[in-house]
Amino acid sequence: MTVQPFPVSQLVASQRPHRKDAARNYDALIAAAREIFAENGADASLEDIARRAGVGIGTLYRNFPTRRHLFESVYADEVNDLCWVARDVAELDPWEALTSWLRRFVDYTVTKRAIRQAMDDESEIFLACRESMYQAGGPLFERAQKAGRARTDISLDDLLRMVAGITATNFLDDAQRDRVLNVALDGVRADG
């Protein structure tokens, strides 16, 4: 069986440099930006991102000519990772596959929240990311529903909005967030 690439996977691949050293710098910048945006929000210093990535500011600007380009690239990379997680967990028990993917979705929402105000809902990257996320999570959700493990009176969109809403709340710590998420997911279970 041939696995079809997600639209976001094609975008990420087209943006990533092919030369090994350039690709290594690009990946380091994406990882550093993801961390710093999560820590400090969208106004985080680009100099701090370059420093954490171990490169000069010129390397950052060669890869990401504008702050918006960096935001979009970090966002696309995060969604691409989320899509790959869906493939990685697809063979698990239907409920376990769905909840494993949703727990990774929670991590994605942290990055999204940090850079959301800089994103355009109609940009090519945002639309490709949204389509890819639904292509990745949809089969997991449908499989859990068909197995009688997830309620059938809700949609994937309902589920993702619920999880995103929960994660938008400030919690005392990750343990509290996980407890609240577990309570919410108990309400999604059809067999529990």
C-alpha atoms as a PDB file:
ATOM      1  CA  MET A   1       0.000   0.000   0.000  1.00  0.00           C
ATOM      2  CA  THR A   2       1.382   3.410  -1.000  1.00  0.00           C
ATOM      3  CA  VAL A   3       1.070   6.103   1.636  1.00  0.00           C
ATOM      4  CA  GLN A   4      -0.115   9.410   0.201  1.00  0.00           C
ATOM      5  CA  PRO A   5       1.738  12.437   1.505  1.00  0.00           C
ATOM      6  CA  PHE A   6      -0.170  15.073   3.409  1.00  0.00           C
ATOM      7  CA  PRO A   7      -0.303  18.517   1.758  1.00  0.00           C
ATOM      8  CA  VAL A   8       1.701  19.953   4.656  1.00  0.00           C
ATOM      9  CA  SER A   9       4.384  17.271   4.233  1.00  0.00           C
ATOM     10  CA  GLN A  10       4.930  18.413   0.673  1.00  0.00           C
ATOM     11  CA  LEU A  11       5.175  22.048   1.811  1.00  0.00           C
ATOM     12  CA  VAL A  12       7.670  21.222   4.554  1.00  0.00           C
ATOM     13  CA  ALA A  13       9.797  19.161   2.177  1.00  0.00           C
ATOM     14  CA  SER A  14       9.825  21.943  -0.421  1.00  0.00           C
ATOM     15  CA  GLN A  15      11.024  24.514   2.155  1.00  0.00           C
ATOM     16  CA  ARG A  16      13.771  22.416   3.742  1.00  0.00           C
ATOM     17  CA  PRO A  17      17.216  22.883   2.148  1.00  0.00           C
ATOM     18  CA  HIS A  18      18.801  19.861   0.467  1.00  0.00           C
ATOM     19  CA  ARG A  19      22.433  20.495   1.383  1.00  0.00           C
ATOM     20  CA  LYS A  20      23.218  18.657   4.655  1.00  0.00           C
ATOM     21  CA  ASP A  21      24.724  21.577   6.552  1.00  0.00           C
ATOM     22  CA  ALA A  22      21.951  23.932   5.447  1.00  0.00           C
ATOM     23  CA  ALA A  23      19.295  21.347   6.383  1.00  0.00           C
ATOM     24  CA  ARG A  24      20.915  20.889   9.793  1.00  0.00           C
ATOM     25  CA  ASN A  25      20.811  24.668  10.398  1.00  0.00           C
ATOM     26  CA  TYR A  26      17.214  24.860   9.175  1.00  0.00           C
ATOM     27  CA  ASP A  27      16.141  22.046  11.519  1.00  0.00           C
ATOM     28  CA  ALA A  28      17.986  23.651  14.456  1.00  0.00           C
ATOM     29  CA  LEU A  29      16.262  26.977  13.782  1.00  0.00           C
ATOM     30  CA  ILE A  30      12.810  25.349  13.600  1.00  0.00           C
ATOM     31  CA  ALA A  31      13.415  23.479  16.875  1.00  0.00           C
ATOM     32  CA  ALA A  32      14.744  26.579  18.633  1.00  0.00           C
ATOM     33  CA  ALA A  33      11.896  28.752  17.342  1.00  0.00           C
ATOM     34  CA  ARG A  34       9.314  26.196  18.469  1.00  0.00           C
ATOM     35  CA  GLU A  35      10.759  26.208  21.990  1.00  0.00           C
ATOM     36  CA  ILE A  36      11.223  29.959  22.258  1.00  0.00           C
ATOM     37  CA  PHE A  37       7.785  30.787  20.830  1.00  0.00           C
ATOM     38  CA  ALA A  38       6.245  28.362  23.346  1.00  0.00           C
ATOM     39  CA  GLU A  39       8.210  30.026  26.166  1.00  0.00           C
ATOM     40  CA  ASN A  40       7.895  33.689  25.159  1.00  0.00           C
ATOM     41  CA  GLY A  41       5.119  33.996  22.594  1.00  0.00           C
ATOM     42  CA  ALA A  42       5.158  35.470  19.110  1.00  0.00           C
ATOM     43  CA  ASP A  43       7.220  38.496  20.129  1.00  0.00           C
ATOM     44  CA  ALA A  44      10.223  36.343  21.038  1.00  0.00           C
ATOM     45  CA  SER A  45      13.598  37.644  19.939  1.00  0.00           C
ATOM     46  CA  LEU A  46      14.877  36.322  16.616  1.00  0.00           C
ATOM     47  CA  GLU A  47      18.412  36.797  17.946  1.00  0.00           C
ATOM     48  CA  ASP A  48      17.558  34.450  20.845  1.00  0.00           C
ATOM     49  CA  ILE A  49      16.256  31.874  18.363  1.00  0.00           C
ATOM     50  CA  ALA A  50      19.444  32.046  16.284  1.00  0.00           C
ATOM     51  CA  ARG A  51      21.595  31.842  19.419  1.00  0.00           C
ATOM     52  CA  ARG A  52      19.717  28.801  20.747  1.00  0.00           C
ATOM     53  CA  ALA A  53      20.010  27.141  17.327  1.00  0.00           C
ATOM     54  CA  GLY A  54      23.752  27.764  17.374  1.00  0.00           C
ATOM     55  CA  VAL A  55      23.756  29.872  14.210  1.00  0.00           C
ATOM     56  CA  GLY A  56      24.140  33.529  13.332  1.00  0.00           C
ATOM     57  CA  ILE A  57      21.224  35.863  12.690  1.00  0.00           C
ATOM     58  CA  GLY A  58      22.200  35.966   9.005  1.00  0.00           C
ATOM     59  CA  THR A  59      21.567  32.212   8.758  1.00  0.00           C
ATOM     60  CA  LEU A  60      18.142  32.717  10.301  1.00  0.00           C
ATOM     61  CA  TYR A  61      17.268  35.417   7.754  1.00  0.00           C
ATOM     62  CA  ARG A  62      18.623  33.356   4.837  1.00  0.00           C
ATOM     63  CA  ASN A  63      16.217  30.574   5.787  1.00  0.00           C
ATOM     64  CA  PHE A  64      13.336  32.757   6.952  1.00  0.00           C
ATOM     65  CA  PRO A  65      13.385  36.201   5.316  1.00  0.00           C
ATOM     66  CA  THR A  66      10.555  37.483   7.527  1.00  0.00           C
ATOM     67  CA  ARG A  67       9.217  36.741  10.984  1.00  0.00           C
ATOM     68  CA  ARG A  68       5.976  35.592   9.363  1.00  0.00           C
ATOM     69  CA  HIS A  69       7.870  33.084   7.211  1.00  0.00           C
ATOM     70  CA  LEU A  70       9.435  31.675  10.378  1.00  0.00           C
ATOM     71  CA  PHE A  71       6.005  31.458  12.064  1.00  0.00           C
ATOM     72  CA  GLU A  72       4.514  29.640   9.097  1.00  0.00           C
ATOM     73  CA  SER A  73       7.447  27.253   8.841  1.00  0.00           C
ATOM     74  CA  VAL A  74       7.332  26.382  12.555  1.00  0.00           C
ATOM     75  CA  TYR A  75       3.565  25.897  12.337  1.00  0.00           C
ATOM     76  CA  ALA A  76       3.819  23.692   9.233  1.00  0.00           C
ATOM     77  CA  ASP A  77       6.590  21.621  10.801  1.00  0.00           C
ATOM     78  CA  GLU A  78       4.513  21.096  13.949  1.00  0.00           C
ATOM     79  CA  VAL A  79       1.464  19.976  11.944  1.00  0.00           C
ATOM     80  CA  ASN A  80       3.663  17.727   9.818  1.00  0.00           C
ATOM     81  CA  ASP A  81       4.932  16.023  12.999  1.00  0.00           C
ATOM     82  CA  LEU A  82       1.331  15.636  14.171  1.00  0.00           C
ATOM     83  CA  CYS A  83       0.428  13.946  10.881  1.00  0.00           C
ATOM     84  CA  TRP A  84       3.310  11.497  11.188  1.00  0.00           C
ATOM     85  CA  VAL A  85       2.229  10.612  14.721  1.00  0.00           C
ATOM     86  CA  ALA A  86      -1.167   9.609  13.286  1.00  0.00           C
ATOM     87  CA  ARG A  87       0.572   7.164  10.967  1.00  0.00           C
ATOM     88  CA  ASP A  88       2.797   5.885  13.781  1.00  0.00           C
ATOM     89  CA  VAL A  89      -0.126   5.076  16.097  1.00  0.00           C
ATOM     90  CA  ALA A  90      -2.573   3.817  13.461  1.00  0.00           C
ATOM     91  CA  GLU A  91      -2.052   0.132  14.323  1.00  0.00           C
ATOM     92  CA  LEU A  92      -2.709   0.552  18.044  1.00  0.00           C
ATOM     93  CA  ASP A  93      -6.046  -0.275  19.663  1.00  0.00           C
ATOM     94  CA  PRO A  94      -8.555   2.233  18.178  1.00  0.00           C
ATOM     95  CA  TRP A  95      -9.076   4.176  21.415  1.00  0.00           C
ATOM     96  CA  GLU A  96      -5.376   4.146  22.299  1.00  0.00           C
ATOM     97  CA  ALA A  97      -4.488   5.333  18.782  1.00  0.00           C
ATOM     98  CA  LEU A  98      -6.956   8.207  18.990  1.00  0.00           C
ATOM     99  CA  THR A  99      -5.925   9.342  22.466  1.00  0.00           C
ATOM    100  CA  SER A 100      -2.205   9.020  21.660  1.00  0.00           C
ATOM    101  CA  TRP A 101      -2.723  11.300  18.692  1.00  0.00           C
ATOM    102  CA  LEU A 102      -4.829  13.724  20.738  1.00  0.00           C
ATOM    103  CA  ARG A 103      -2.115  13.959  23.388  1.00  0.00           C
ATOM    104  CA  ARG A 104       0.325  14.989  20.657  1.00  0.00           C
ATOM    105  CA  PHE A 105      -2.352  17.431  19.413  1.00  0.00           C
ATOM    106  CA  VAL A 106      -2.189  19.049  22.865  1.00  0.00           C
ATOM    107  CA  ASP A 107       1.537  19.726  22.352  1.00  0.00           C
ATOM    108  CA  TYR A 108       0.773  21.195  18.928  1.00  0.00           C
ATOM    109  CA  THR A 109      -1.771  23.614  20.414  1.00  0.00           C
ATOM    110  CA  VAL A 110       0.928  25.132  22.631  1.00  0.00           C
ATOM    111  CA  THR A 111       2.933  26.139  19.553  1.00  0.00           C
ATOM    112  CA  LYS A 112      -0.189  27.211  17.691  1.00  0.00           C
ATOM    113  CA  ARG A 113      -1.330  29.424  20.542  1.00  0.00           C
ATOM    114  CA  ALA A 114       2.087  31.097  20.682  1.00  0.00           C
ATOM    115  CA  ILE A 115       2.084  32.123  17.015  1.00  0.00           C
ATOM    116  CA  ARG A 116      -1.637  32.162  16.165  1.00  0.00           C
ATOM    117  CA  GLN A 117      -2.004  35.921  15.957  1.00  0.00           C
ATOM    118  CA  ALA A 118       0.645  36.033  13.233  1.00  0.00           C
ATOM    119  CA  MET A 119      -1.085  33.435  11.047  1.00  0.00           C
ATOM    120  CA  ASP A 120      -3.535  34.198   8.272  1.00  0.00           C
ATOM    121  CA  ASP A 121      -6.457  31.732   8.247  1.00  0.00           C
ATOM    122  CA  GLU A 122      -6.557  31.932   4.466  1.00  0.00           C
ATOM    123  CA  SER A 123      -2.845  31.452   3.764  1.00  0.00           C
ATOM    124  CA  GLU A 124      -1.784  28.476   1.679  1.00  0.00           C
ATOM    125  CA  ILE A 125       0.207  27.082   4.580  1.00  0.00           C
ATOM    126  CA  PHE A 126      -2.628  27.401   7.105  1.00  0.00           C
ATOM    127  CA  LEU A 127      -5.112  25.744   4.733  1.00  0.00           C
ATOM    128  CA  ALA A 128      -2.679  22.914   3.904  1.00  0.00           C
ATOM    129  CA  CYS A 129      -2.048  22.390   7.622  1.00  0.00           C
ATOM    130  CA  ARG A 130      -5.735  22.252   8.468  1.00  0.00           C
ATOM    131  CA  GLU A 131      -6.464  19.813   5.634  1.00  0.00           C
ATOM    132  CA  SER A 132      -3.521  17.625   6.644  1.00  0.00           C
ATOM    133  CA  MET A 133      -4.511  17.576  10.309  1.00  0.00           C
ATOM    134  CA  TYR A 134      -8.026  16.416   9.463  1.00  0.00           C
ATOM    135  CA  GLN A 135      -6.687  13.830   6.994  1.00  0.00           C
ATOM    136  CA  ALA A 136      -4.419  12.483   9.737  1.00  0.00           C
ATOM    137  CA  GLY A 137      -6.851  12.481  12.662  1.00  0.00           C
ATOM    138  CA  GLY A 138     -10.031  11.627  10.762  1.00  0.00           C
ATOM    139  CA  PRO A 139      -9.254   7.962  10.154  1.00  0.00           C
ATOM    140  CA  LEU A 140      -8.205   7.464  13.793  1.00  0.00           C
ATOM    141  CA  PHE A 141     -11.446   9.005  15.033  1.00  0.00           C
ATOM    142  CA  GLU A 142     -13.605   7.054  12.555  1.00  0.00           C
ATOM    143  CA  ARG A 143     -11.853   3.812  13.474  1.00  0.00           C
ATOM    144  CA  ALA A 144     -12.503   4.429  17.185  1.00  0.00           C
ATOM    145  CA  GLN A 145     -16.159   5.178  16.398  1.00  0.00           C
ATOM    146  CA  LYS A 146     -16.571   2.040  14.256  1.00  0.00           C
ATOM    147  CA  ALA A 147     -14.991  -0.058  17.015  1.00  0.00           C
ATOM    148  CA  GLY A 148     -17.586   1.295  19.458  1.00  0.00           C
ATOM    149  CA  ARG A 149     -14.883   3.060  21.473  1.00  0.00           C
ATOM    150  CA  ALA A 150     -15.783   6.703  20.672  1.00  0.00           C
ATOM    151  CA  ARG A 151     -19.176   8.387  20.628  1.00  0.00           C
ATOM    152  CA  THR A 152     -20.794   8.663  17.223  1.00  0.00           C
ATOM    153  CA  ASP A 153     -22.813  11.787  17.997  1.00  0.00           C
ATOM    154  CA  ILE A 154     -19.770  14.066  17.714  1.00  0.00           C
ATOM    155  CA  SER A 155     -17.491  14.969  14.830  1.00  0.00           C
ATOM    156  CA  LEU A 156     -13.723  15.201  14.647  1.00  0.00           C
ATOM    157  CA  ASP A 157     -14.124  18.956  14.478  1.00  0.00           C
ATOM    158  CA  ASP A 158     -16.109  18.886  17.758  1.00  0.00           C
ATOM    159  CA  LEU A 159     -13.407  16.777  19.386  1.00  0.00           C
ATOM    160  CA  LEU A 160     -10.493  18.939  18.234  1.00  0.00           C
ATOM    161  CA  ARG A 161     -12.249  22.126  19.324  1.00  0.00           C
ATOM    162  CA  MET A 162     -12.904  20.607  22.746  1.00  0.00           C
ATOM    163  CA  VAL A 163      -9.268  19.583  23.200  1.00  0.00           C
ATOM    164  CA  ALA A 164      -8.000  22.928  21.872  1.00  0.00           C
ATOM    165  CA  GLY A 165     -10.346  24.748  24.251  1.00  0.00           C
ATOM    166  CA  ILE A 166      -9.117  22.750  27.207  1.00  0.00           C
ATOM    167  CA  THR A 167      -5.494  23.360  26.370  1.00  0.00           C
ATOM    168  CA  ALA A 168      -6.087  27.099  25.935  1.00  0.00           C
ATOM    169  CA  THR A 169      -6.741  27.320  29.670  1.00  0.00           C
ATOM    170  CA  ASN A 170      -3.885  28.087  32.047  1.00  0.00           C
ATOM    171  CA  PHE A 171      -3.162  25.181  34.369  1.00  0.00           C
ATOM    172  CA  LEU A 172      -1.059  24.934  37.488  1.00  0.00           C
ATOM    173  CA  ASP A 173       1.077  22.291  35.769  1.00  0.00           C
ATOM    174  CA  ASP A 174       1.030  19.605  33.072  1.00  0.00           C
ATOM    175  CA  ALA A 175      -0.388  17.051  35.516  1.00  0.00           C
ATOM    176  CA  GLN A 176      -3.482  19.175  36.093  1.00  0.00           C
ATOM    177  CA  ARG A 177      -3.893  19.697  32.337  1.00  0.00           C
ATOM    178  CA  ASP A 178      -3.638  15.933  31.788  1.00  0.00           C
ATOM    179  CA  ARG A 179      -6.254  15.219  34.485  1.00  0.00           C
ATOM    180  CA  VAL A 180      -8.706  17.680  32.926  1.00  0.00           C
ATOM    181  CA  LEU A 181      -8.042  16.247  29.467  1.00  0.00           C
ATOM    182  CA  ASN A 182      -8.669  12.718  30.783  1.00  0.00           C
ATOM    183  CA  VAL A 183     -12.012  13.787  32.262  1.00  0.00           C
ATOM    184  CA  ALA A 184     -13.008  15.305  28.921  1.00  0.00           C
ATOM    185  CA  LEU A 185     -11.895  12.230  26.973  1.00  0.00           C
ATOM    186  CA  ASP A 186     -13.928  10.033  29.323  1.00  0.00           C
ATOM    187  CA  GLY A 187     -16.936  11.933  28.001  1.00  0.00           C
ATOM    188  CA  VAL A 188     -15.964  10.982  24.435  1.00  0.00           C
ATOM    189  CA  ARG A 189     -15.620   7.266  25.161  1.00  0.00           C
ATOM    190  CA  ALA A 190     -18.568   5.175  24.079  1.00  0.00           C
ATOM    191  CA  ASP A 191     -17.555   2.104  26.055  1.00  0.00           C
ATOM    192  CA  GLY A 192     -16.418   3.623  29.276  1.00  0.00           C
END
